[in-house]
Amino acid sequence: MDPALTSDLITAAVTVAGIGGTSALAFLAVRRARARRRREIEGAGEARPALSQPKRRGLQAADLEPEPAPEPEELEEESPAPELASEAAETAPDRIERAERPPGQVLPFPTPAPAEEKPVKPKRDVAALSSGLARTRAGWVSRLGGLFSGKKEIDPALVDEIEKVLLTADIGVRTSQKLLEEIRGSLGRAEIKDPAAVWTYLRKRSAEILAIDAPPLDLDVSRPFVLLVIGVNGSGKTTTIGKLAAKLKEQGKSVLLAAGDTFRAAATEQLEIWGQRTGAPVVRGKEGADPSSVLFEAVKRAKAENIDVVIADTAGRLHTKTNLMEELQKVRRVIGKAQEGAPHETWLVIDSTSGQNAIAQAQMFTQAMAVTGIVLTKLDGTAKGGVILGITDQLKLPVRYIGVGERVEDLRDFDPEEFVDALLEAAPDASLPA
């Protein structure tokens, strides 16, 4: 054989062998890369479709190049991640919130908002108040209920009897006539003959008369809050002040008592006894001293000691005494100089045993003073509790407290509905609903 030809054949054989070896090495490298990637995916718990084996075919140029390993981001997109199933069920707002969430932030599991609790109105203690109004209820209320008892209808003669009872009930002539006129004008012909309908209307209308539209008492509008208490001799002013002080102390308020009744030594001594019981300091002056100066000093001391409430007693006076009523106006002016806006409340204490005369007293006091509220005392000792209807109807003043006994708790916050429920119960043996 020609030596030159032999050399060419050897060179070609070596070249072919080199190409085959390189291809074999490349094929093995690809298989190892794919196997390693499969193990990584299976170890990570990701579901991956099985990699198919390359078909055996002739060598091509593509087979000679190793397949590039996929990037992690591409695998993440191809792999069905566990979050996708739950993410598909998310609402649009949830997806927006999750998209805006900072990386790595874990939000707490949402808990439902607690249901809004509605304020529970305290149950009215009608039974306790009812015992305090026993005398009034046994008086004109019982007579009024007796007129309805056993009646199937109301005739004109019975209407006249109802009017007589109302006129003698210390409600007052004006208010009694007003109630009768409203009964005739508001009830139909059939209803005005029905005793139950008339009784129900009386109760409803009485509650409306007593429910004066007045703002609730706010003791926090000023410090000190100054309460001026006025009234005639013997109405129960000083005792009412002592009970009020006890109630306010129970509410956590600091209280100072001002003994402005300088003309009656017993009033100052009585107020000091209440001060000792309640732990409230008492500011007093010399007997016969100017009441205005005593109250001025009391307000100044309350301001210096940061006391919440000042309750100022005043000298009892007859409403017919013009000079004494003028002195009340002076007291009011002086208190206003000690504390701007004072007195913040002026309460008139009325003895309910005075009956219709209490209406006349209230009218005179309200002409001389800017009265803001009424305290009706001694309801437990009289049958004239109907006077409260006449006062509120004619003067349009709110009743703040009523006294139905000697104990501190017997000075009660006035609730019109509670009062009517306790006062206008059905009379004994009456055939009417309570």
Protein backbone atom coordinates (compact mmCIF):
# COMPACT_ATOMS: atom_id res chain seq x y z
CA MET A 1 0.00 0.00 0.00
CA ASP A 2 1.08 3.48 -0.75
CA PRO A 3 2.68 5.00 2.33
CA ALA A 4 1.00 8.37 1.67
CA LEU A 5 -2.42 6.74 1.45
CA THR A 6 -1.80 4.85 4.64
CA SER A 7 -0.95 8.06 6.46
CA ASP A 8 -4.19 9.73 5.29
CA LEU A 9 -6.29 6.76 6.46
CA ILE A 10 -4.71 6.84 9.91
CA THR A 11 -5.37 10.57 10.20
CA ALA A 12 -9.03 10.11 9.22
CA ALA A 13 -9.47 7.23 11.66
CA VAL A 14 -8.02 9.28 14.49
CA THR A 15 -10.33 12.20 13.62
CA VAL A 16 -13.42 9.98 13.56
CA ALA A 17 -12.44 8.39 16.84
CA GLY A 18 -11.96 11.81 18.41
CA ILE A 19 -15.38 13.00 17.29
CA GLY A 20 -17.08 9.82 18.58
CA GLY A 21 -15.36 10.12 21.95
CA THR A 22 -16.35 13.72 22.36
CA SER A 23 -19.98 12.91 21.49
CA ALA A 24 -20.06 10.05 23.96
CA LEU A 25 -18.64 12.23 26.69
CA ALA A 26 -21.16 14.98 25.96
CA PHE A 27 -24.07 12.52 26.04
CA LEU A 28 -22.94 11.15 29.41
CA ALA A 29 -22.62 14.68 30.82
CA VAL A 30 -26.18 15.55 29.79
CA ARG A 31 -27.60 12.38 31.33
CA ARG A 32 -25.76 12.99 34.58
CA ALA A 33 -26.98 16.63 34.72
CA ARG A 34 -30.60 15.53 34.16
CA ALA A 35 -30.37 12.79 36.78
CA ARG A 36 -28.87 15.17 39.32
CA ARG A 37 -31.63 17.73 38.67
CA ARG A 38 -34.30 15.06 39.05
CA ARG A 39 -32.89 14.05 42.42
CA GLU A 40 -32.83 17.68 43.56
CA ILE A 41 -36.46 18.17 42.56
CA GLU A 42 -37.60 14.93 44.18
CA GLY A 43 -35.66 15.77 47.34
CA ALA A 44 -37.37 19.17 47.51
CA GLY A 45 -40.78 17.51 47.26
CA GLU A 46 -41.73 19.15 43.99
CA ALA A 47 -43.84 17.22 41.52
CA ARG A 48 -42.00 17.12 38.21
CA PRO A 49 -42.94 15.29 35.05
CA ALA A 50 -40.61 12.41 34.22
CA LEU A 51 -37.81 13.24 31.86
CA SER A 52 -38.01 11.18 28.72
CA GLN A 53 -34.96 9.34 27.52
CA PRO A 54 -33.42 10.66 24.31
CA LYS A 55 -34.27 8.58 21.29
CA ARG A 56 -31.44 6.73 19.73
CA ARG A 57 -30.78 8.23 16.41
CA GLY A 58 -27.92 9.27 14.36
CA LEU A 59 -25.60 11.87 15.67
CA GLN A 60 -26.72 15.39 14.96
CA ALA A 61 -25.17 18.72 15.66
CA ALA A 62 -27.68 19.40 18.49
CA ASP A 63 -26.71 16.16 20.20
CA LEU A 64 -23.15 17.25 20.36
CA GLU A 65 -23.94 20.29 22.60
CA PRO A 66 -24.85 19.68 26.25
CA GLU A 67 -28.41 20.88 27.20
CA PRO A 68 -28.18 23.96 29.44
CA ALA A 69 -29.49 23.42 32.96
CA PRO A 70 -32.78 25.36 33.57
CA GLU A 71 -32.62 28.41 35.83
CA PRO A 72 -34.26 28.14 39.28
CA GLU A 73 -36.74 30.90 38.35
CA GLU A 74 -37.94 28.92 35.35
CA LEU A 75 -38.40 25.79 37.43
CA GLU A 76 -40.35 27.80 39.98
CA GLU A 77 -42.73 28.93 37.27
CA GLU A 78 -43.13 25.49 35.76
CA SER A 79 -43.63 23.73 39.08
CA PRO A 80 -47.18 23.83 40.49
CA ALA A 81 -46.42 25.49 43.88
CA PRO A 82 -48.68 24.59 46.82
CA GLU A 83 -49.74 28.23 47.29
CA LEU A 84 -51.39 28.35 43.87
CA ALA A 85 -54.33 26.19 44.83
CA SER A 86 -55.31 28.35 47.76
CA GLU A 87 -54.44 31.52 45.87
CA ALA A 88 -56.98 30.66 43.20
CA ALA A 89 -59.71 30.74 45.80
CA GLU A 90 -58.73 34.16 47.10
CA THR A 91 -60.97 37.10 46.45
CA ALA A 92 -59.71 40.17 44.65
CA PRO A 93 -59.21 42.24 47.82
CA ASP A 94 -57.22 39.37 49.37
CA ARG A 95 -54.91 39.20 46.36
CA ILE A 96 -54.40 42.96 46.44
CA GLU A 97 -53.58 42.89 50.15
CA ARG A 98 -51.16 39.99 49.68
CA ALA A 99 -49.48 41.74 46.76
CA GLU A 100 -48.95 44.88 48.86
CA ARG A 101 -47.60 42.90 51.81
CA PRO A 102 -43.88 43.53 52.46
CA PRO A 103 -41.66 40.48 51.78
CA GLY A 104 -41.44 38.16 54.75
CA GLN A 105 -44.36 39.77 56.64
CA VAL A 106 -46.74 37.27 58.21
CA LEU A 107 -50.21 38.60 58.89
CA PRO A 108 -52.20 37.27 61.86
CA PHE A 109 -55.20 35.08 61.22
CA PRO A 110 -58.19 37.42 60.87
CA THR A 111 -60.62 37.26 63.77
CA PRO A 112 -64.22 38.42 63.48
CA ALA A 113 -64.98 41.79 65.05
CA PRO A 114 -66.83 41.47 68.35
CA ALA A 115 -70.51 42.22 68.18
CA GLU A 116 -71.39 45.67 69.42
CA GLU A 117 -72.92 45.47 72.84
CA LYS A 118 -76.08 47.47 73.29
CA PRO A 119 -76.31 49.41 76.53
CA VAL A 120 -78.61 47.68 78.95
CA LYS A 121 -81.08 50.03 80.54
CA PRO A 122 -81.12 49.47 84.29
CA LYS A 123 -84.26 47.83 85.56
CA ARG A 124 -86.55 50.29 87.29
CA ASP A 125 -87.14 49.60 90.96
CA VAL A 126 -90.85 50.37 90.88
CA ALA A 127 -91.64 48.32 93.99
CA ALA A 128 -89.38 50.39 96.27
CA LEU A 129 -90.75 53.66 94.92
CA SER A 130 -94.31 52.35 95.15
CA SER A 131 -94.02 51.96 98.91
CA GLY A 132 -92.86 55.59 99.20
CA LEU A 133 -95.91 56.76 97.23
CA ALA A 134 -98.37 54.60 99.18
CA ARG A 135 -100.20 57.54 100.78
CA THR A 136 -100.68 59.40 97.53
CA ARG A 137 -101.84 56.26 95.81
CA ALA A 138 -104.23 55.47 98.67
CA GLY A 139 -105.67 58.98 98.34
CA TRP A 140 -106.80 60.50 95.08
CA VAL A 141 -105.34 57.74 92.90
CA SER A 142 -107.40 55.14 94.71
CA ARG A 143 -110.53 57.27 94.43
CA LEU A 144 -109.91 57.78 90.75
CA GLY A 145 -109.37 54.07 90.22
CA GLY A 146 -112.54 53.32 92.18
CA LEU A 147 -114.55 55.34 89.68
CA PHE A 148 -113.40 53.03 86.90
CA SER A 149 -113.71 49.83 88.89
CA GLY A 150 -116.35 47.45 87.51
CA LYS A 151 -117.54 49.98 84.92
CA LYS A 152 -118.10 48.82 81.37
CA GLU A 153 -118.50 52.33 80.02
CA ILE A 154 -118.16 55.94 81.18
CA ASP A 155 -121.25 58.13 81.23
CA PRO A 156 -121.37 61.96 81.55
CA ALA A 157 -122.01 61.74 85.28
CA LEU A 158 -118.84 59.70 85.74
CA VAL A 159 -116.83 62.29 83.82
CA ASP A 160 -117.94 64.93 86.33
CA GLU A 161 -116.75 62.69 89.18
CA ILE A 162 -113.36 62.26 87.52
CA GLU A 163 -113.03 66.03 87.29
CA LYS A 164 -113.79 66.43 91.01
CA VAL A 165 -111.14 63.88 91.97
CA LEU A 166 -108.50 65.56 89.82
CA LEU A 167 -109.32 68.99 91.24
CA THR A 168 -108.91 67.73 94.81
CA ALA A 169 -105.72 65.81 94.03
CA ASP A 170 -103.47 68.87 94.43
CA ILE A 171 -102.59 68.60 90.76
CA GLY A 172 -103.93 72.11 90.37
CA VAL A 173 -107.02 73.46 88.66
CA ARG A 174 -105.22 74.41 85.49
CA THR A 175 -103.57 71.02 84.95
CA SER A 176 -106.71 69.07 85.93
CA GLN A 177 -108.86 70.91 83.40
CA LYS A 178 -106.17 70.47 80.78
CA LEU A 179 -106.16 66.70 81.28
CA LEU A 180 -109.95 66.45 81.00
CA GLU A 181 -110.04 68.55 77.84
CA GLU A 182 -107.33 66.39 76.27
CA ILE A 183 -109.24 63.22 77.17
CA ARG A 184 -112.37 64.53 75.44
CA GLY A 185 -110.42 65.79 72.41
CA SER A 186 -108.03 62.88 71.92
CA LEU A 187 -110.20 59.83 72.52
CA GLY A 188 -112.92 58.76 70.11
CA ARG A 189 -116.52 58.23 71.11
CA ALA A 190 -115.97 54.53 71.64
CA GLU A 191 -112.71 55.01 73.56
CA ILE A 192 -114.04 57.70 75.91
CA LYS A 193 -116.68 55.23 77.09
CA ASP A 194 -114.01 52.59 77.76
CA PRO A 195 -112.62 52.92 81.32
CA ALA A 196 -109.42 51.06 80.41
CA ALA A 197 -108.75 53.43 77.49
CA VAL A 198 -109.27 56.50 79.68
CA TRP A 199 -107.03 55.13 82.44
CA THR A 200 -104.31 54.24 79.93
CA TYR A 201 -104.48 57.72 78.43
CA LEU A 202 -104.13 59.35 81.86
CA ARG A 203 -101.01 57.34 82.58
CA LYS A 204 -99.48 58.08 79.19
CA ARG A 205 -100.23 61.81 79.37
CA SER A 206 -98.93 62.07 82.95
CA ALA A 207 -95.59 60.56 81.89
CA GLU A 208 -95.35 63.05 79.02
CA ILE A 209 -96.01 66.02 81.35
CA LEU A 210 -93.31 64.86 83.76
CA ALA A 211 -90.73 64.19 81.02
CA ILE A 212 -89.38 67.73 80.67
CA ASP A 213 -86.84 67.99 77.86
CA ALA A 214 -83.78 69.07 79.83
CA PRO A 215 -80.08 68.24 79.36
CA PRO A 216 -78.69 65.61 81.72
CA LEU A 217 -76.80 66.83 84.74
CA ASP A 218 -73.09 67.17 83.91
CA LEU A 219 -70.91 67.79 86.96
CA ASP A 220 -67.74 67.90 84.86
CA VAL A 221 -68.46 71.11 82.95
CA SER A 222 -66.53 73.09 85.56
CA ARG A 223 -64.27 72.56 88.53
CA PRO A 224 -65.59 73.35 90.96
CA PHE A 225 -69.16 72.71 89.89
CA VAL A 226 -71.33 75.00 92.05
CA LEU A 227 -74.84 73.89 93.01
CA LEU A 228 -77.02 76.49 94.76
CA VAL A 229 -79.93 75.10 96.81
CA ILE A 230 -82.89 77.35 97.67
CA GLY A 231 -86.34 76.93 99.24
CA VAL A 232 -88.62 77.95 102.08
CA ASN A 233 -88.03 77.13 105.73
CA GLY A 234 -88.74 73.52 106.57
CA SER A 235 -88.74 72.24 102.99
CA GLY A 236 -85.83 69.87 103.67
CA LYS A 237 -82.99 71.83 102.04
CA THR A 238 -80.22 70.93 104.48
CA THR A 239 -81.16 67.24 104.63
CA THR A 240 -81.31 67.10 100.83
CA ILE A 241 -77.83 68.68 100.63
CA GLY A 242 -76.43 66.08 103.03
CA LYS A 243 -77.93 63.18 101.03
CA LEU A 244 -76.63 64.65 97.77
CA ALA A 245 -73.14 64.93 99.27
CA ALA A 246 -73.27 61.26 100.29
CA LYS A 247 -74.33 60.21 96.79
CA LEU A 248 -71.62 62.25 95.10
CA LYS A 249 -68.94 60.88 97.44
CA GLU A 250 -70.03 57.36 96.50
CA GLN A 251 -69.48 58.34 92.86
CA GLY A 252 -65.90 59.36 93.64
CA LYS A 253 -66.48 63.12 93.62
CA SER A 254 -64.87 65.43 96.14
CA VAL A 255 -67.46 67.68 97.77
CA LEU A 256 -67.37 70.89 99.82
CA LEU A 257 -70.43 72.12 101.72
CA ALA A 258 -71.08 75.84 102.16
CA ALA A 259 -73.25 76.87 105.13
CA GLY A 260 -74.98 79.90 103.65
CA ASP A 261 -77.90 79.81 106.10
CA THR A 262 -76.19 82.09 108.60
CA PHE A 263 -79.43 83.19 110.26
CA ARG A 264 -80.24 79.80 111.74
CA ALA A 265 -77.58 78.17 113.91
CA ALA A 266 -79.30 74.80 113.75
CA ALA A 267 -78.92 74.73 109.96
CA THR A 268 -75.14 75.14 110.19
CA GLU A 269 -74.86 72.48 112.88
CA GLN A 270 -76.98 70.08 110.85
CA LEU A 271 -74.81 70.65 107.79
CA GLU A 272 -71.65 69.99 109.83
CA ILE A 273 -73.09 66.66 110.98
CA TRP A 274 -73.64 65.68 107.35
CA GLY A 275 -70.10 66.82 106.57
CA GLN A 276 -68.72 64.50 109.24
CA ARG A 277 -70.81 61.59 107.94
CA THR A 278 -69.71 62.02 104.35
CA GLY A 279 -66.16 63.28 104.90
CA ALA A 280 -66.97 66.58 103.16
CA PRO A 281 -65.42 69.78 104.58
CA VAL A 282 -67.83 72.56 105.59
CA VAL A 283 -67.19 76.27 105.19
CA ARG A 284 -69.16 78.32 107.72
CA GLY A 285 -69.23 81.91 108.89
CA LYS A 286 -70.18 83.63 112.08
CA GLU A 287 -73.81 83.66 113.10
CA GLY A 288 -75.57 86.51 111.30
CA ALA A 289 -72.72 86.99 108.82
CA ASP A 290 -73.39 87.97 105.25
CA PRO A 291 -74.34 84.71 103.39
CA SER A 292 -72.76 85.98 100.16
CA SER A 293 -69.32 86.33 101.80
CA VAL A 294 -69.49 82.79 103.20
CA LEU A 295 -70.35 81.29 99.81
CA PHE A 296 -67.66 83.41 98.13
CA GLU A 297 -65.01 82.01 100.47
CA ALA A 298 -66.30 78.47 99.95
CA VAL A 299 -65.94 78.67 96.16
CA LYS A 300 -62.45 80.19 96.47
CA ARG A 301 -61.37 77.37 98.79
CA ALA A 302 -62.78 74.75 96.41
CA LYS A 303 -60.77 76.25 93.55
CA ALA A 304 -57.58 76.27 95.62
CA GLU A 305 -58.05 72.65 96.74
CA ASN A 306 -59.26 71.40 93.33
CA ILE A 307 -62.58 70.15 94.72
CA ASP A 308 -65.14 68.81 92.25
CA VAL A 309 -68.47 70.05 93.62
CA VAL A 310 -69.59 72.84 95.95
CA ILE A 311 -73.11 72.52 97.36
CA ALA A 312 -74.26 75.86 98.78
CA ASP A 313 -77.03 76.05 101.37
CA THR A 314 -79.06 79.26 101.66
CA ALA A 315 -81.32 80.72 104.31
CA GLY A 316 -84.87 79.49 104.17
CA ARG A 317 -87.27 82.30 103.38
CA LEU A 318 -90.92 82.80 102.62
CA HIS A 319 -91.55 83.35 98.95
CA THR A 320 -93.73 86.37 99.83
CA LYS A 321 -90.82 88.29 101.41
CA THR A 322 -89.51 90.55 98.63
CA ASN A 323 -86.38 91.72 100.48
CA LEU A 324 -85.26 88.15 101.19
CA MET A 325 -85.80 87.15 97.55
CA GLU A 326 -83.63 90.09 96.49
CA GLU A 327 -80.86 88.84 98.77
CA LEU A 328 -80.91 85.54 96.89
CA GLN A 329 -80.13 87.45 93.72
CA LYS A 330 -77.15 89.05 95.49
CA VAL A 331 -75.89 85.60 96.51
CA ARG A 332 -76.04 84.52 92.89
CA ARG A 333 -74.08 87.56 91.70
CA VAL A 334 -71.33 87.11 94.31
CA ILE A 335 -70.90 83.41 93.51
CA GLY A 336 -70.50 84.37 89.85
CA LYS A 337 -67.57 86.64 90.80
CA ALA A 338 -65.84 83.79 92.64
CA GLN A 339 -66.25 81.33 89.75
CA GLU A 340 -67.14 82.25 86.20
CA GLY A 341 -70.49 80.74 85.18
CA ALA A 342 -71.45 79.85 88.76
CA PRO A 343 -73.84 78.76 90.07
CA HIS A 344 -74.04 76.10 87.37
CA GLU A 345 -77.29 74.70 88.76
CA THR A 346 -79.91 76.25 91.04
CA TRP A 347 -82.33 73.75 92.57
CA LEU A 348 -85.54 74.62 94.32
CA VAL A 349 -86.45 72.21 97.15
CA ILE A 350 -90.22 71.85 97.60
CA ASP A 351 -92.05 70.13 100.42
CA SER A 352 -94.75 68.04 98.75
CA THR A 353 -96.92 68.16 101.90
CA SER A 354 -97.69 71.80 101.09
CA GLY A 355 -99.88 70.66 98.20
CA GLN A 356 -101.08 73.31 95.79
CA ASN A 357 -99.26 75.98 97.80
CA ALA A 358 -96.04 74.43 96.48
CA ILE A 359 -97.04 75.55 92.99
CA ALA A 360 -97.37 79.15 94.20
CA GLN A 361 -93.96 78.91 95.94
CA ALA A 362 -92.31 77.61 92.80
CA GLN A 363 -93.80 80.39 90.69
CA MET A 364 -92.44 83.11 93.03
CA PHE A 365 -88.95 81.59 93.27
CA THR A 366 -88.65 81.15 89.52
CA GLN A 367 -89.54 84.82 89.01
CA ALA A 368 -86.67 85.90 91.29
CA MET A 369 -84.08 83.25 90.40
CA ALA A 370 -83.03 81.27 87.33
CA VAL A 371 -84.15 77.93 88.75
CA THR A 372 -82.87 74.95 86.74
CA GLY A 373 -84.37 72.01 88.64
CA ILE A 374 -86.79 70.83 91.31
CA VAL A 375 -86.25 68.50 94.27
CA LEU A 376 -89.55 67.26 95.70
CA THR A 377 -89.24 66.02 99.29
CA LYS A 378 -91.40 64.13 101.80
CA LEU A 379 -93.47 62.26 99.24
CA ASP A 380 -93.68 59.32 101.62
CA GLY A 381 -95.54 61.39 104.22
CA THR A 382 -98.34 62.90 102.16
CA ALA A 383 -101.27 62.09 99.90
CA LYS A 384 -100.51 65.21 97.85
CA GLY A 385 -97.90 63.74 95.51
CA GLY A 386 -99.97 64.86 92.54
CA VAL A 387 -98.52 68.33 93.00
CA ILE A 388 -95.55 67.22 90.92
CA LEU A 389 -97.76 67.14 87.82
CA GLY A 390 -98.92 70.72 88.41
CA ILE A 391 -95.36 72.03 88.95
CA THR A 392 -93.84 70.44 85.86
CA ASP A 393 -96.85 71.28 83.69
CA GLN A 394 -96.98 74.96 84.63
CA LEU A 395 -93.29 75.78 85.18
CA LYS A 396 -91.69 73.40 82.67
CA LEU A 397 -88.87 72.66 85.11
CA PRO A 398 -87.28 69.21 85.33
CA VAL A 399 -87.56 67.27 88.57
CA ARG A 400 -84.02 66.13 89.43
CA TYR A 401 -84.66 64.18 92.65
CA ILE A 402 -87.56 63.03 94.79
CA GLY A 403 -87.43 62.16 98.49
CA VAL A 404 -89.45 59.13 99.63
CA GLY A 405 -87.84 58.39 103.00
CA GLU A 406 -85.19 59.24 105.57
CA ARG A 407 -82.32 57.14 104.21
CA VAL A 408 -79.72 58.41 101.76
CA GLU A 409 -80.95 55.95 99.12
CA ASP A 410 -84.48 57.33 99.55
CA LEU A 411 -83.38 60.45 97.70
CA ARG A 412 -83.94 59.02 94.23
CA ASP A 413 -83.10 60.17 90.74
CA PHE A 414 -86.38 61.09 89.13
CA ASP A 415 -87.57 58.81 86.32
CA PRO A 416 -90.94 59.89 84.85
CA GLU A 417 -91.93 56.42 83.64
CA GLU A 418 -90.94 54.82 86.93
CA PHE A 419 -92.87 57.45 88.86
CA VAL A 420 -96.05 56.97 86.82
CA ASP A 421 -95.81 53.19 87.08
CA ALA A 422 -95.57 53.47 90.86
CA LEU A 423 -98.19 56.19 91.26
CA LEU A 424 -100.92 55.26 88.80
CA GLU A 425 -101.20 51.59 89.51
CA ALA A 426 -104.66 50.11 89.29
CA ALA A 427 -106.59 50.73 92.47
CA PRO A 428 -107.44 47.70 94.61
CA ASP A 429 -110.22 45.58 93.09
CA ALA A 430 -110.14 47.68 89.94
CA SER A 431 -110.83 45.87 86.71
CA LEU A 432 -108.16 47.83 84.85
CA PRO A 433 -104.66 46.86 83.75
CA ALA A 434 -101.84 48.32 85.85
